[in-house]
Amino acid sequence: MKIGYARVSTGEQNLALQIDALRAAGAERIYEDKGVSGSAVFKPAYADMLRAARAGDEIIVWRLDRLSRSLITLITELQMLAHIGVGFRSLTEQIETVTPAGQLFFHMVGAFAQFERDVIRERTNAGLQAARRAGKKLGRPPAINDEQWKQAKTLLTKPHNMSVVAVAGLLNVTRQAIYKRLSAEKQTEQEAA
């Protein structure tokens, strides 16, 4: 079955041009997402279309950016379709994954997308290493800082003997943060002994 997919980013835009082109290309059923950005993670009609698609079907779009604005996401989607035996065709770019030329083009674009992912990963790792060498602390700040922990220990012990719940409320931290720090300190003491 030939399945069409049409999408516009805002509710004011019209799907008519896309729908006419999809029907002319032989789409027997058309799924429409109106007011959904191409960068949106969830597209309701697109999700319904994927659930309905079966091996041997072909998904047709008016233009590649109707499916996704990200090259990496687009390649991932096309690989998933190929894996389940569903063909893909973009009318404007004249790309068909069911023809040998279309498959070649798809693999070339896929290689560029993989290269892009690798370069991004390499840059990210280099940036993290440079930050570590510069002494920058990475990640989330601690749930309870050293000053708060010092106050908490004082309040938890004699003569105060306050409860963890009371100390957490007073210092505006979670009980879990205090318990985690208590546990870590106890473990450090046991390892030192």
Protein backbone atom coordinates (compact mmCIF):
# COMPACT_ATOMS: atom_id res chain seq x y z
CA MET A 1 0.00 0.00 0.00
CA LYS A 2 1.19 3.53 -0.74
CA ILE A 3 0.86 5.69 2.36
CA GLY A 4 1.19 9.47 2.32
CA TYR A 5 2.38 11.67 5.17
CA ALA A 6 1.77 15.42 5.26
CA ARG A 7 2.80 17.88 7.97
CA VAL A 8 2.64 21.63 8.57
CA SER A 9 4.23 23.45 11.50
CA THR A 10 1.39 25.83 12.33
CA GLY A 11 -2.36 25.53 12.38
CA GLU A 12 -2.66 28.42 9.90
CA GLN A 13 -0.70 26.61 7.18
CA ASN A 14 -2.55 24.53 4.60
CA LEU A 15 -1.93 20.86 3.81
CA ALA A 16 -3.75 20.98 0.44
CA LEU A 17 -0.62 21.29 -1.74
CA GLN A 18 1.03 18.30 -0.05
CA ILE A 19 -2.14 16.20 -0.08
CA ASP A 20 -2.73 16.87 -3.80
CA ALA A 21 0.87 15.85 -4.61
CA LEU A 22 0.59 12.70 -2.46
CA ARG A 23 -2.68 11.66 -4.14
CA ALA A 24 -1.14 12.27 -7.58
CA ALA A 25 1.73 9.98 -6.53
CA GLY A 26 -0.77 7.22 -5.75
CA ALA A 27 -1.10 7.49 -1.95
CA GLU A 28 -4.09 5.39 -0.92
CA ARG A 29 -4.13 6.63 2.67
CA ILE A 30 -2.78 9.96 3.95
CA TYR A 31 -1.81 10.77 7.52
CA GLU A 32 -1.80 14.47 8.43
CA ASP A 33 -0.05 16.32 11.27
CA LYS A 34 -1.21 19.93 11.49
CA GLY A 35 0.52 22.40 13.80
CA VAL A 36 3.41 20.02 14.58
CA SER A 37 7.02 21.15 14.17
CA GLY A 38 9.44 19.01 12.18
CA SER A 39 11.73 18.98 15.19
CA ALA A 40 8.97 17.69 17.51
CA VAL A 41 9.84 14.37 19.12
CA PHE A 42 6.26 13.09 18.92
CA LYS A 43 4.08 13.56 15.86
CA PRO A 44 0.68 11.89 16.49
CA ALA A 45 -0.33 11.11 12.88
CA TYR A 46 3.22 10.02 12.06
CA ALA A 47 3.16 7.59 15.00
CA ASP A 48 -0.22 6.23 13.82
CA MET A 49 1.20 5.80 10.30
CA LEU A 50 4.21 3.84 11.58
CA ARG A 51 1.93 1.53 13.57
CA ALA A 52 -0.18 0.88 10.46
CA ALA A 53 2.74 0.39 8.02
CA ARG A 54 3.54 -3.17 6.98
CA ALA A 55 6.36 -4.80 5.02
CA GLY A 56 5.93 -4.01 1.33
CA ASP A 57 4.24 -0.65 1.97
CA GLU A 58 5.75 2.60 0.75
CA ILE A 59 5.63 5.87 2.68
CA ILE A 60 5.51 8.96 0.48
CA VAL A 61 6.24 12.53 1.58
CA TRP A 62 6.07 15.73 -0.41
CA ARG A 63 9.51 16.85 0.82
CA LEU A 64 12.15 15.31 3.14
CA ASP A 65 11.73 18.04 5.77
CA ARG A 66 8.12 16.93 6.25
CA LEU A 67 9.54 13.84 7.96
CA SER A 68 12.33 15.49 9.97
CA ARG A 69 14.50 18.60 10.02
CA SER A 70 17.48 16.76 11.48
CA LEU A 71 19.66 14.72 9.12
CA ILE A 72 20.53 12.26 11.88
CA THR A 73 16.86 11.78 12.83
CA LEU A 74 15.91 11.40 9.17
CA ILE A 75 18.53 8.69 8.60
CA THR A 76 17.45 6.89 11.77
CA GLU A 77 13.80 6.96 10.64
CA LEU A 78 14.67 5.70 7.15
CA GLN A 79 16.82 2.90 8.60
CA MET A 80 13.92 1.88 10.84
CA LEU A 81 11.56 1.82 7.85
CA ALA A 82 14.03 -0.26 5.82
CA HIS A 83 14.41 -2.66 8.75
CA ILE A 84 10.67 -3.40 8.77
CA GLY A 85 10.54 -3.64 4.96
CA VAL A 86 8.78 -0.34 4.30
CA GLY A 87 9.92 1.71 1.31
CA PHE A 88 10.22 5.49 1.30
CA ARG A 89 9.81 8.13 -1.39
CA SER A 90 10.23 11.90 -1.29
CA LEU A 91 8.52 13.60 -4.23
CA THR A 92 10.40 16.92 -4.32
CA GLU A 93 13.90 15.44 -3.97
CA GLN A 94 12.95 12.40 -6.09
CA ILE A 95 14.44 9.93 -3.62
CA GLU A 96 13.14 6.36 -3.50
CA THR A 97 14.69 3.79 -1.19
CA VAL A 98 13.15 0.96 -3.20
CA THR A 99 15.36 1.57 -6.26
CA PRO A 100 19.10 0.75 -6.43
CA ALA A 101 19.95 4.44 -7.10
CA GLY A 102 17.77 5.50 -4.17
CA GLN A 103 19.44 2.98 -1.88
CA LEU A 104 22.87 4.22 -2.96
CA PHE A 105 21.88 7.81 -2.22
CA PHE A 106 20.42 6.76 1.13
CA HIS A 107 23.66 4.98 2.10
CA MET A 108 25.76 7.99 1.08
CA VAL A 109 23.60 10.32 3.17
CA GLY A 110 23.78 7.79 6.02
CA ALA A 111 27.59 7.82 5.86
CA PHE A 112 27.60 11.62 6.13
CA ALA A 113 25.19 11.47 9.07
CA GLN A 114 27.44 8.95 10.85
CA PHE A 115 30.45 11.18 10.16
CA GLU A 116 28.53 14.13 11.66
CA ARG A 117 27.68 12.09 14.79
CA ASP A 118 31.33 11.05 15.19
CA VAL A 119 32.61 14.62 14.82
CA ILE A 120 30.10 15.89 17.39
CA ARG A 121 31.10 13.13 19.83
CA GLU A 122 34.80 13.89 19.28
CA ARG A 123 34.29 17.63 19.90
CA THR A 124 32.21 16.95 23.01
CA ASN A 125 34.85 14.63 24.49
CA ALA A 126 37.65 17.10 23.71
CA GLY A 127 35.69 19.89 25.40
CA LEU A 128 35.05 17.76 28.50
CA GLN A 129 38.73 16.81 28.76
CA ALA A 130 39.80 20.45 28.42
CA ALA A 131 37.34 21.47 31.14
CA ARG A 132 38.63 18.72 33.47
CA ARG A 133 42.25 19.78 32.87
CA ALA A 134 41.26 23.37 33.71
CA GLY A 135 39.90 22.09 37.03
CA LYS A 136 36.26 22.74 36.20
CA LYS A 137 33.79 20.55 38.06
CA LEU A 138 31.42 18.84 35.67
CA GLY A 139 27.93 17.58 36.28
CA ARG A 140 25.21 18.50 38.68
CA PRO A 141 26.06 20.41 41.86
CA PRO A 142 25.92 18.28 45.01
CA ALA A 143 22.51 17.94 46.65
CA ILE A 144 24.08 19.10 49.91
CA ASN A 145 27.18 21.30 49.87
CA ASP A 146 30.04 21.10 52.37
CA GLU A 147 28.78 24.03 54.48
CA GLN A 148 25.29 22.53 54.71
CA TRP A 149 26.79 19.14 55.58
CA LYS A 150 28.86 20.68 58.38
CA GLN A 151 25.70 22.29 59.81
CA ALA A 152 23.72 19.06 59.38
CA LYS A 153 26.33 17.01 61.29
CA THR A 154 26.25 19.53 64.15
CA LEU A 155 22.45 19.45 64.34
CA LEU A 156 22.23 15.65 64.09
CA THR A 157 24.63 15.00 66.99
CA LYS A 158 24.55 15.79 70.70
CA PRO A 159 23.52 18.16 72.24
CA HIS A 160 21.00 18.97 69.44
CA ASN A 161 20.01 15.43 68.37
CA MET A 162 17.61 16.75 65.73
CA SER A 163 15.92 14.31 63.36
CA VAL A 164 17.01 14.01 59.73
CA VAL A 165 13.59 15.31 58.64
CA ALA A 166 13.94 18.42 60.83
CA VAL A 167 17.51 19.10 59.67
CA ALA A 168 16.54 18.63 56.02
CA GLY A 169 13.69 21.13 56.42
CA LEU A 170 15.90 23.62 58.25
CA LEU A 171 18.70 23.47 55.65
CA ASN A 172 16.34 23.22 52.68
CA VAL A 173 17.82 19.95 51.42
CA THR A 174 16.25 16.52 50.95
CA ARG A 175 16.35 13.72 53.51
CA GLN A 176 17.90 11.53 50.83
CA ALA A 177 20.81 13.97 50.45
CA ILE A 178 21.54 13.74 54.18
CA TYR A 179 21.19 9.95 54.29
CA LYS A 180 23.43 9.57 51.23
CA ARG A 181 26.12 11.77 52.80
CA LEU A 182 25.83 9.88 56.13
CA SER A 183 26.23 6.58 54.30
CA ALA A 184 29.24 7.83 52.31
CA GLU A 185 30.91 9.13 55.47
CA LYS A 186 30.29 5.84 57.31
CA GLN A 187 31.77 3.88 54.40
CA THR A 188 34.85 6.15 54.35
CA GLU A 189 35.35 5.59 58.10
CA GLN A 190 35.06 1.79 57.66
CA GLU A 191 37.58 1.80 54.82
CA ALA A 192 40.02 3.85 56.91
CA ALA A 193 39.78 1.42 59.84
